[in-house]
Amino acid sequence: MNDLLAAYAAGWFPMAEGPDRALGLFRARQRALIPLDQRFHVPRSLRRQLRPGRFELKLNSAFAAVVDGCADRPSTWISLELRAIYQELHRLGWAHSIEAWDEHGLAGGQLGLAIGRCWIGESMFHSRPHASNVVLVQLQSALRQGGFELFDVQLSNPHLERFGCFELSDADYTSCLAKAVQQPARLQIGSSAVSSGAWMPR
């Protein structure tokens, strides 16, 4: 597991692909990031969903269910092997779930890794409209307040661009990442918090 964490800390991420669902390591030529400053934008259509009482956010209260939700789609890169890896990374304190709950139960969530001052958003899902977007907005605020420097979403798309998602070259991202992973941070969602341990290159 240390080898995989070292790969994450160096800018790689795992995905399963192909008919045999083989697990490989990948990186993007242009790395997508959610800004942790004034460049972050909350779409007007989402603002009413942020009102108190619409969703309750929790941290790590349903990790396996969030992984299952992220994998539950017609074409998924989260294989059974990768699900087991995420569970072990969660047990070790590196992988986390941010969940949105309503009166019907789990409404959506995000799966991610916290390594030093970098949050790597692996995947999101929702079973109720807007739930994953509320998680994204609230998580961005929590990361900023907790001392994180990078909110990595790996690959950009038009949906993420609505929030101010921008891209860095692989070289620039790797330079920023090398510094960010060596300093601890803290993530608090509601009444729960976790410390993000520093990763020192070997």
Foldseek 3Di string as FASTA:
>chain_A
DVVQVVCVLQAWDWFFDDPVRDIDIDADQKFKFQDLDPLFDDDPVLVVCLDPQNWAKDKAPCQLVQLVQQQPDPDGRCDPVNSVVLVVCVVVPFKMKIFIAHPVGTFKIWIWGFAALEIETAGIGGPDPCGRVSSVVVQSNQSSVFRHDTDTDRDDDPVSVNRNMDIDGSVVVSVVSNVRNQHKTKGDGPPDIGIHYHDDDD
